[in-house]
Protein backbone atom coordinates (compact mmCIF):
# COMPACT_ATOMS: atom_id res chain seq x y z
CA MET A 1 19.43 -10.15 -98.65
CA ALA A 2 21.02 -11.14 -101.95
CA LYS A 3 24.71 -11.90 -101.96
CA ALA A 4 27.00 -9.02 -102.89
CA LYS A 5 28.18 -9.22 -106.47
CA ARG A 6 31.79 -8.52 -107.43
CA MET A 7 32.51 -6.34 -110.44
CA TYR A 8 35.59 -4.65 -111.86
CA GLY A 9 35.37 -0.95 -112.67
CA CYS A 10 37.68 1.19 -114.76
CA THR A 11 39.15 4.13 -112.85
CA GLU A 12 39.45 6.13 -116.10
CA CYS A 13 36.02 5.85 -117.74
CA GLY A 14 33.89 4.12 -115.08
CA ALA A 15 32.91 1.12 -117.20
CA THR A 16 32.25 -2.13 -115.30
CA PHE A 17 33.08 -5.70 -116.26
CA PRO A 18 32.33 -9.08 -114.66
CA LYS A 19 35.96 -10.23 -114.94
CA TRP A 20 39.34 -8.58 -114.55
CA ALA A 21 41.37 -7.75 -117.64
CA GLY A 22 44.59 -5.92 -118.23
CA GLN A 23 42.99 -3.45 -120.63
CA CYS A 24 39.65 -1.67 -120.39
CA GLY A 25 37.41 -2.72 -123.25
CA GLU A 26 35.72 0.71 -123.39
CA CYS A 27 38.48 3.34 -123.23
CA GLY A 28 41.52 1.13 -123.92
CA ALA A 29 43.43 2.16 -120.76
CA TRP A 30 45.80 -0.40 -119.26
CA ASN A 31 45.80 -1.63 -115.63
CA THR A 32 42.82 0.51 -114.61
CA LEU A 33 40.29 -2.20 -113.62
CA VAL A 34 39.71 -2.23 -109.86
CA GLU A 35 37.58 -4.67 -107.93
CA THR A 36 34.33 -3.25 -106.55
CA VAL A 37 31.26 -4.59 -104.78
CA VAL A 38 27.73 -4.15 -106.13
CA GLU A 39 25.20 -4.47 -103.34
CA GLY A 40 22.22 -6.74 -103.91
CA ALA A 41 18.59 -5.87 -103.42
CA THR A 42 17.27 -4.73 -100.06
CA PRO A 43 15.00 -7.02 -97.98
CA SER A 44 11.93 -5.19 -99.24
CA GLY A 45 12.89 -5.91 -102.82
CA ARG A 46 13.83 -2.32 -103.61
CA THR A 47 17.24 -1.23 -104.77
CA GLY A 48 19.39 0.92 -102.51
CA TRP A 49 18.70 4.20 -104.27
CA ALA A 50 14.92 3.83 -104.05
CA GLY A 51 14.76 3.97 -100.25
CA ASP A 52 12.58 5.98 -97.90
CA LYS A 53 12.21 9.71 -98.29
CA ALA A 54 15.18 11.62 -96.93
CA ASN A 55 14.84 14.02 -94.03
CA ILE A 56 15.07 17.51 -95.53
CA LYS A 57 15.47 20.76 -93.58
CA THR A 58 16.14 24.37 -94.42
CA LEU A 59 19.42 25.86 -93.24
CA ALA A 60 17.52 27.96 -90.69
CA GLU A 61 16.11 24.80 -89.10
CA VAL A 62 19.47 23.07 -88.74
CA SER A 63 21.00 23.31 -85.27
CA VAL A 64 24.28 25.23 -85.26
CA GLU A 65 25.34 24.54 -81.71
CA GLU A 66 29.06 24.23 -81.21
CA ILE A 67 30.33 20.70 -81.78
CA PRO A 68 31.39 19.19 -78.44
CA ARG A 69 35.04 18.22 -78.24
CA PHE A 70 37.19 16.38 -75.74
CA SER A 71 40.91 16.77 -75.14
CA THR A 72 43.51 14.22 -76.20
CA ALA A 73 45.74 15.27 -73.24
CA SER A 74 48.22 16.77 -75.73
CA GLY A 75 48.01 20.51 -76.32
CA GLU A 76 49.80 20.39 -79.68
CA LEU A 77 47.64 17.54 -81.00
CA ASP A 78 44.50 19.36 -79.82
CA ARG A 79 45.70 22.46 -81.69
CA VAL A 80 46.16 20.54 -84.95
CA LEU A 81 42.74 18.88 -84.57
CA GLY A 82 41.10 22.29 -84.15
CA GLY A 83 40.68 22.32 -80.36
CA GLY A 84 40.16 18.66 -79.53
CA LEU A 85 38.65 15.44 -80.84
CA VAL A 86 35.06 15.34 -82.13
CA ASP A 87 32.78 12.34 -81.56
CA GLY A 88 32.33 10.33 -84.74
CA SER A 89 35.24 11.98 -86.54
CA VAL A 90 37.74 10.00 -88.64
CA VAL A 91 41.36 11.24 -88.59
CA LEU A 92 43.96 9.97 -91.07
CA ILE A 93 47.63 10.30 -90.04
CA GLY A 94 50.39 9.76 -92.62
CA GLY A 95 54.15 9.99 -92.50
CA ASP A 96 57.43 8.26 -93.26
CA PRO A 97 58.27 4.97 -91.52
CA GLY A 98 59.67 5.46 -88.03
CA ILE A 99 58.68 9.12 -87.74
CA GLY A 100 56.36 8.56 -84.76
CA LYS A 101 52.81 7.82 -85.99
CA SER A 102 52.28 4.75 -83.81
CA THR A 103 54.10 6.36 -80.89
CA ILE A 104 51.92 9.47 -80.67
CA LEU A 105 48.72 7.46 -81.10
CA LEU A 106 49.71 4.98 -78.40
CA GLN A 107 50.53 7.87 -76.04
CA THR A 108 47.23 9.56 -76.86
CA LEU A 109 45.14 6.43 -76.43
CA CYS A 110 46.77 5.43 -73.14
CA ASN A 111 45.90 8.85 -71.72
CA ILE A 112 42.37 8.87 -73.15
CA ALA A 113 41.74 5.36 -71.77
CA GLN A 114 42.04 6.76 -68.24
CA ARG A 115 38.81 8.73 -68.89
CA PHE A 116 36.95 6.90 -71.67
CA PRO A 117 36.89 3.39 -73.19
CA ALA A 118 39.54 3.06 -75.90
CA LEU A 119 40.59 0.33 -78.32
CA TYR A 120 43.91 0.00 -80.15
CA VAL A 121 43.71 -2.27 -83.24
CA THR A 122 47.08 -3.24 -84.71
CA GLY A 123 47.53 -5.11 -87.94
CA GLU A 124 51.30 -4.71 -88.19
CA GLU A 125 52.51 -5.54 -84.67
CA SER A 126 51.69 -8.13 -82.05
CA GLN A 127 50.12 -7.30 -78.71
CA GLN A 128 53.48 -7.98 -77.06
CA GLN A 129 55.21 -5.37 -79.22
CA VAL A 130 52.60 -2.74 -78.38
CA ALA A 131 52.88 -3.56 -74.67
CA MET A 132 56.69 -3.35 -74.80
CA ARG A 133 56.50 0.10 -76.38
CA ALA A 134 54.03 1.28 -73.74
CA ARG A 135 56.31 0.08 -70.95
CA ARG A 136 59.35 1.70 -72.54
CA LEU A 137 57.48 5.01 -72.72
CA ASP A 138 56.20 4.70 -69.12
CA LEU A 139 52.57 4.99 -70.22
CA PRO A 140 49.54 3.94 -68.13
CA GLN A 141 48.60 0.48 -69.39
CA ASP A 142 45.84 -0.75 -67.10
CA LYS A 143 42.80 0.46 -69.09
CA LEU A 144 43.76 0.47 -72.78
CA LYS A 145 42.49 -2.56 -74.71
CA VAL A 146 44.58 -3.94 -77.58
CA MET A 147 43.45 -6.21 -80.41
CA THR A 148 45.44 -7.80 -83.24
CA GLU A 149 43.14 -8.17 -86.24
CA THR A 150 43.11 -7.32 -89.95
CA CYS A 151 39.57 -8.33 -90.98
CA ILE A 152 37.36 -5.24 -90.99
CA GLU A 153 34.19 -7.22 -90.29
CA SER A 154 35.72 -8.70 -87.11
CA ILE A 155 37.04 -5.29 -86.03
CA ILE A 156 33.65 -3.60 -86.37
CA ALA A 157 31.87 -6.49 -84.63
CA THR A 158 34.27 -6.23 -81.68
CA ALA A 159 33.94 -2.45 -81.58
CA ARG A 160 30.14 -2.73 -81.41
CA GLN A 161 30.51 -4.91 -78.32
CA GLU A 162 33.25 -2.88 -76.60
CA LYS A 163 31.76 0.53 -77.57
CA PRO A 164 35.02 2.52 -77.38
CA LYS A 165 34.94 6.29 -77.49
CA VAL A 166 38.22 6.35 -79.43
CA MET A 167 39.69 3.64 -81.67
CA VAL A 168 42.99 3.42 -83.56
CA ILE A 169 43.51 1.37 -86.73
CA ASP A 170 47.23 0.77 -87.34
CA SER A 171 47.32 0.70 -90.28
CA ILE A 172 44.58 0.98 -92.91
CA GLN A 173 46.82 -0.67 -95.55
CA THR A 174 46.80 -3.95 -93.58
CA ILE A 175 43.00 -4.14 -93.23
CA PHE A 176 40.89 -6.20 -95.64
CA THR A 177 37.22 -6.95 -96.14
CA GLU A 178 35.87 -10.41 -96.93
CA GLN A 179 33.64 -8.93 -99.64
CA LEU A 180 36.66 -8.51 -101.94
CA GLN A 181 39.15 -11.07 -103.20
CA SER A 182 42.09 -8.71 -103.75
CA ALA A 183 45.05 -8.59 -101.36
CA PRO A 184 45.21 -6.15 -98.40
CA GLY A 185 46.74 -2.82 -99.33
CA GLY A 186 45.18 -2.71 -102.76
CA VAL A 187 43.11 0.21 -103.99
CA ALA A 188 39.80 -1.61 -103.61
CA GLN A 189 40.58 -3.05 -100.17
CA VAL A 190 41.72 0.29 -98.73
CA ARG A 191 38.70 2.13 -100.15
CA GLU A 192 36.08 -0.37 -98.99
CA SER A 193 37.64 -0.89 -95.54
CA ALA A 194 37.86 2.87 -94.97
CA ALA A 195 34.27 3.32 -96.12
CA LEU A 196 33.04 0.73 -93.60
CA LEU A 197 35.02 2.40 -90.80
CA VAL A 198 33.69 5.86 -91.69
CA ARG A 199 30.13 4.51 -91.69
CA PHE A 200 30.67 2.86 -88.32
CA ALA A 201 32.14 6.06 -86.85
CA LYS A 202 29.18 8.17 -87.96
CA GLN A 203 26.62 5.65 -86.70
CA SER A 204 28.22 4.91 -83.32
CA GLY A 205 29.90 8.26 -82.52
CA THR A 206 33.29 6.58 -82.09
CA ALA A 207 36.26 8.76 -83.00
CA ILE A 208 38.68 6.78 -85.18
CA PHE A 209 42.36 7.36 -85.96
CA LEU A 210 43.64 5.71 -89.15
CA VAL A 211 47.37 5.28 -89.73
CA GLY A 212 48.26 5.54 -93.42
CA HIS A 213 51.43 4.53 -95.23
CA VAL A 214 53.06 6.96 -97.63
CA THR A 215 54.65 6.46 -101.02
CA LYS A 216 58.26 7.30 -101.84
CA GLU A 217 57.04 10.71 -103.06
CA GLY A 218 55.56 11.39 -99.60
CA ALA A 219 51.86 11.15 -100.56
CA LEU A 220 49.44 8.86 -98.75
CA ALA A 221 49.39 5.39 -100.31
CA GLY A 222 46.14 4.05 -101.70
CA PRO A 223 43.32 5.76 -103.57
CA ARG A 224 42.95 9.52 -103.43
CA VAL A 225 39.34 9.02 -102.36
CA LEU A 226 40.68 7.89 -98.97
CA GLU A 227 41.54 11.51 -98.09
CA HIS A 228 38.10 12.65 -99.27
CA MET A 229 36.24 10.18 -97.06
CA VAL A 230 37.88 11.10 -93.75
CA ASP A 231 37.25 14.29 -91.78
CA THR A 232 40.83 15.24 -90.97
CA VAL A 233 44.16 14.51 -92.69
CA LEU A 234 47.40 14.99 -90.73
CA TYR A 235 50.95 14.64 -92.04
CA PHE A 236 54.08 14.03 -89.98
CA GLU A 237 57.06 16.05 -91.20
CA GLY A 238 60.70 16.09 -90.18
CA GLU A 239 63.72 13.85 -90.46
CA SER A 240 63.49 10.43 -88.84
CA ASP A 241 66.93 10.97 -87.27
CA GLY A 242 66.15 14.53 -86.10
CA ARG A 243 64.84 15.59 -82.72
CA LEU A 244 61.83 17.56 -83.96
CA ARG A 245 58.59 16.26 -85.46
CA LEU A 246 56.04 18.53 -87.11
CA LEU A 247 52.39 17.47 -87.35
CA ARG A 248 50.54 19.46 -90.02
CA ALA A 249 46.82 19.46 -90.79
CA VAL A 250 46.10 19.61 -94.52
CA LYS A 251 42.36 18.94 -94.20
CA ASN A 252 40.04 19.49 -91.26
CA ARG A 253 36.25 19.64 -91.39
CA PHE A 254 36.12 20.70 -87.74
CA GLY A 255 38.87 23.33 -87.64
CA ALA A 256 41.41 25.40 -89.52
CA VAL A 257 43.75 23.81 -92.04
CA ASN A 258 47.54 24.33 -92.06
CA GLU A 259 47.71 24.16 -88.28
CA LEU A 260 51.11 22.97 -87.12
CA GLY A 261 51.97 21.01 -83.99
CA VAL A 262 55.60 20.73 -82.87
CA PHE A 263 56.88 17.72 -80.95
CA GLY A 264 60.29 16.69 -79.68
CA MET A 265 61.34 13.05 -79.94
CA THR A 266 62.81 11.76 -76.67
CA ASP A 267 63.52 8.36 -75.16
CA LYS A 268 60.10 8.62 -73.48
CA GLY A 269 58.19 9.31 -76.67
CA LEU A 270 56.98 12.52 -78.27
CA LYS A 271 56.88 15.59 -76.03
CA GLU A 272 54.98 18.68 -77.11
CA VAL A 273 56.89 21.91 -77.71
CA SER A 274 54.75 24.79 -76.52
CA ASN A 275 57.18 27.53 -77.67
CA PRO A 276 58.60 26.38 -81.02
CA SER A 277 60.19 29.75 -81.84
CA ALA A 278 62.65 29.27 -78.99
CA ILE A 279 63.68 25.89 -80.46
CA PHE A 280 64.12 27.11 -84.03
CA LEU A 281 66.09 30.19 -82.94
CA THR A 282 69.02 28.28 -81.43
CA ARG A 283 71.58 30.28 -83.41
CA ALA A 284 75.30 30.92 -83.28
CA GLN A 285 76.43 33.49 -80.73
CA GLU A 286 78.08 35.63 -83.41
CA ALA A 287 76.35 37.02 -86.46
CA VAL A 288 77.37 35.16 -89.61
CA PRO A 289 76.78 36.00 -93.29
CA GLY A 290 73.75 34.43 -94.95
CA SER A 291 71.60 34.09 -91.83
CA VAL A 292 68.39 36.00 -91.07
CA VAL A 293 65.26 35.41 -88.99
CA MET A 294 61.76 35.67 -90.43
CA ALA A 295 58.29 35.40 -88.90
CA THR A 296 56.11 32.80 -90.61
CA TRP A 297 52.45 32.17 -89.92
CA GLU A 298 51.45 28.58 -89.20
CA GLY A 299 47.73 27.99 -88.73
CA SER A 300 46.73 30.32 -85.92
CA ARG A 301 50.08 31.40 -84.49
CA PRO A 302 53.30 33.11 -85.60
CA MET A 303 56.58 31.26 -85.53
CA LEU A 304 60.12 32.60 -85.84
CA VAL A 305 62.49 30.55 -87.99
CA GLU A 306 66.00 31.09 -89.30
CA VAL A 307 66.65 31.18 -93.04
CA GLN A 308 70.20 30.40 -94.18
CA ALA A 309 71.70 31.04 -97.61
CA LEU A 310 75.01 30.08 -99.21
CA VAL A 311 76.00 31.82 -102.44
CA ASP A 312 79.16 30.59 -104.14
CA THR A 313 80.77 30.95 -107.56
CA SER A 314 79.45 28.35 -109.96
CA HIS A 315 81.70 26.28 -112.20
CA LEU A 316 78.79 24.85 -114.16
CA GLY A 317 77.03 26.08 -117.25
CA ASN A 318 73.75 26.18 -115.35
CA PRO A 319 74.20 27.42 -111.75
CA ARG A 320 72.48 25.33 -109.12
CA ARG A 321 69.37 26.51 -107.24
CA VAL A 322 68.78 24.25 -104.23
CA THR A 323 66.16 24.86 -101.52
CA LEU A 324 65.23 22.92 -98.39
CA GLY A 325 61.89 23.96 -96.89
CA LEU A 326 61.26 26.65 -99.54
CA ASP A 327 59.82 26.75 -103.06
CA GLN A 328 62.60 26.29 -105.62
CA ASN A 329 60.65 27.89 -108.48
CA ARG A 330 59.96 30.97 -106.37
CA LEU A 331 63.68 31.28 -105.61
CA ALA A 332 64.46 31.43 -109.34
CA MET A 333 61.80 34.12 -109.80
CA LEU A 334 63.07 36.22 -106.91
CA LEU A 335 66.67 36.05 -108.14
CA ALA A 336 65.45 37.48 -111.45
CA VAL A 337 63.67 40.29 -109.58
CA LEU A 338 66.86 40.93 -107.59
CA HIS A 339 68.83 41.31 -110.81
CA ARG A 340 66.28 43.50 -112.61
CA HIS A 341 65.25 45.83 -109.78
CA GLY A 342 68.16 45.52 -107.37
CA GLY A 343 71.00 45.46 -109.86
CA ILE A 344 72.56 42.38 -108.25
CA PRO A 345 73.23 39.51 -110.71
CA THR A 346 73.49 35.88 -109.58
CA TYR A 347 73.60 34.17 -112.99
CA ASP A 348 77.13 32.88 -112.28
CA GLN A 349 76.47 31.88 -108.66
CA ASP A 350 75.23 28.69 -107.04
CA VAL A 351 72.49 29.51 -104.51
CA PHE A 352 71.62 27.16 -101.64
CA LEU A 353 68.80 27.94 -99.20
CA ASN A 354 67.74 26.14 -96.03
CA VAL A 355 65.13 26.67 -93.31
CA VAL A 356 66.64 25.57 -90.00
CA GLY A 357 64.77 22.88 -88.09
CA GLY A 358 63.17 21.13 -91.07
CA VAL A 359 60.22 23.53 -91.27
CA LYS A 360 58.50 23.95 -94.65
CA VAL A 361 57.74 27.61 -95.36
CA LEU A 362 55.56 27.98 -98.45
CA GLU A 363 53.94 31.36 -97.81
CA THR A 364 55.02 34.47 -99.74
CA ALA A 365 56.02 36.29 -96.54
CA SER A 366 59.40 34.54 -96.82
CA ASP A 367 60.37 36.48 -99.98
CA LEU A 368 62.09 39.40 -98.29
CA ALA A 369 63.93 37.21 -95.78
CA LEU A 370 65.09 34.96 -98.60
CA MET A 371 66.51 37.93 -100.49
CA ALA A 372 68.19 39.30 -97.37
CA ALA A 373 69.94 35.99 -96.70
CA VAL A 374 71.11 35.72 -100.33
CA ILE A 375 72.54 39.25 -100.37
CA SER A 376 74.24 38.76 -97.01
CA SER A 377 75.99 35.62 -98.23
CA LEU A 378 76.84 37.11 -101.63
CA ARG A 379 78.48 40.17 -100.07
CA ASN A 380 79.88 38.14 -97.16
CA ARG A 381 78.45 40.68 -94.73
CA PRO A 382 76.52 39.47 -91.67
CA LEU A 383 73.18 41.01 -90.82
CA GLN A 384 72.31 42.23 -87.34
CA HIS A 385 71.70 39.39 -84.91
CA ASP A 386 68.49 40.99 -83.62
CA LEU A 387 67.03 41.77 -87.07
CA LEU A 388 63.67 40.38 -88.24
CA VAL A 389 62.56 40.43 -91.89
CA PHE A 390 59.34 39.44 -93.63
CA GLY A 391 57.34 40.57 -96.67
CA GLU A 392 56.22 39.56 -100.15
CA ILE A 393 58.12 40.75 -103.23
CA GLY A 394 56.26 41.42 -106.48
CA LEU A 395 57.66 41.04 -110.00
CA SER A 396 57.89 44.81 -110.35
CA GLY A 397 60.05 45.08 -107.22
CA GLU A 398 57.32 46.29 -104.84
CA ILE A 399 57.10 45.02 -101.25
CA ARG A 400 53.59 43.79 -100.53
CA PRO A 401 52.02 43.37 -97.07
CA VAL A 402 51.25 39.94 -95.66
CA PRO A 403 48.48 38.75 -93.31
CA SER A 404 48.77 38.96 -89.50
CA GLY A 405 51.68 41.38 -89.50
CA GLN A 406 50.89 42.76 -86.02
CA GLU A 407 51.01 39.29 -84.44
CA ARG A 408 54.33 38.53 -86.13
CA LEU A 409 55.87 41.71 -84.72
CA LYS A 410 54.59 40.95 -81.21
CA GLU A 411 56.19 37.50 -81.38
CA ALA A 412 59.50 39.08 -82.45
CA ALA A 413 59.40 41.63 -79.61
CA LYS A 414 58.69 38.84 -77.13
CA HIS A 415 61.90 37.08 -78.17
CA GLY A 416 64.06 40.19 -77.87
CA PHE A 417 64.39 41.42 -81.46
CA LYS A 418 65.26 45.11 -81.74
CA ARG A 419 64.75 45.89 -85.44
CA ALA A 420 62.30 44.71 -88.09
CA ILE A 421 62.17 45.38 -91.84
CA VAL A 422 58.55 44.94 -92.94
CA PRO A 423 56.22 46.09 -95.74
CA LYS A 424 54.74 49.54 -95.23
CA GLY A 425 51.27 48.00 -95.18
CA ASN A 426 52.24 45.95 -92.10
CA ALA A 427 53.79 48.85 -90.16
CA PRO A 428 51.72 49.35 -86.98
CA LYS A 429 50.64 52.75 -85.72
CA GLU A 430 52.39 51.97 -82.45
CA ALA A 431 55.37 49.63 -82.52
CA PRO A 432 55.77 46.96 -79.81
CA PRO A 433 58.03 48.11 -76.96
CA GLY A 434 61.72 47.86 -77.80
CA LEU A 435 61.19 47.08 -81.51
CA GLN A 436 62.21 49.55 -84.22
CA ILE A 437 60.09 49.25 -87.35
CA VAL A 438 61.58 50.00 -90.78
CA ALA A 439 58.74 50.17 -93.33
CA VAL A 440 59.68 49.71 -97.01
CA THR A 441 57.70 49.79 -100.25
CA ARG A 442 60.37 48.89 -102.85
CA LEU A 443 63.11 46.30 -103.07
CA GLU A 444 65.72 49.06 -103.38
CA GLN A 445 64.65 50.54 -100.03
CA ALA A 446 64.85 47.12 -98.38
CA LEU A 447 68.39 46.55 -99.72
CA ASP A 448 69.54 49.90 -98.35
CA ALA A 449 67.99 49.20 -94.94
CA LEU A 450 69.62 45.77 -94.49
CA PHE A 451 73.09 47.02 -93.59
CA GLU A 452 72.27 50.32 -91.88
């Protein structure tokens, strides 16, 4: 086989050049030339695209049997993955430094190694550091194999000999291929190394976890194509000094997206939280102004979270609008709706909003709870401690229904809530036992029902 030829391609226009340059000679863009590999001819003398005829089937002929899965021994991780790990799948996990990516994968692999062959490849730590962490977490260590290597060709060659069922690469930014001359962590190295791993996973049936670094903006470092190549993308959320870690799926070819797994960080590693609503509802014993509970929908389950608001007189020309865990632009829109249709101005008030526990709530069902918390703080009047609020607010002041309203109300009744203000479209024919339903259609009706 002919030797692979190195070329430099422009990420803007796609033009290729034999040498690197600071500016693309075709489109004039700066710093867009990235090293690529052009494969040589095949042994038969044909180029790669002129291969044998592909195997074509109609959709009716394709087998649609359920994809077999196996458990990772963690219920929350299985939930985020869509019910378990699939053979040959490639999972990319990103998150801030120190948030628990290596910890959860080491826990998972130590447990899987008791049933199947497993291989942990580390490019950032030594074998001694991995072993020390496993001992500190009291994990079973007798069957998990650990390798320190950064060359992708050596990793794949070892994996073909060991034949693991699950393999971890920690991290993809430290891996390099000998086909490229650029440094590890570059766009070309990350793309080519990930492509070789994905090809190996599909051919061998090995499930692979890739640990990915993130940029200061929180996005996965490296080329965007990295997220397109893998089957599942998971993000760790939460503060590194907090006790809770949230694992969210933003892409999953084998399950639902936006699934959320909740873990608690302890001295023995990450422990799954099977009832997150009970954790997020650790509230003050007395009702305080600016606090209300809403029911958000995360993946396939409802979750109760507390929304807090602080409204104070502003001494600035432009009052501040600060949100943590909520959409700041939507807050500005809802405050305008509150002024127009509720007759309550906030143009001279600073508004601060926070979702307790570090949860990010981006669905529109938080609109009504957000407004309730703002009004409670503005009037300095506490809402009922056992009140639940959810619903979407339109620009004309109407209260719109949200998906899965019945499940949200059942979750509230299970945790002892006595009263719920919900859109009329979400009002059930028969309310859950012990829960009074107040159905509203306009913002004015909701404001009147808050302090009844």
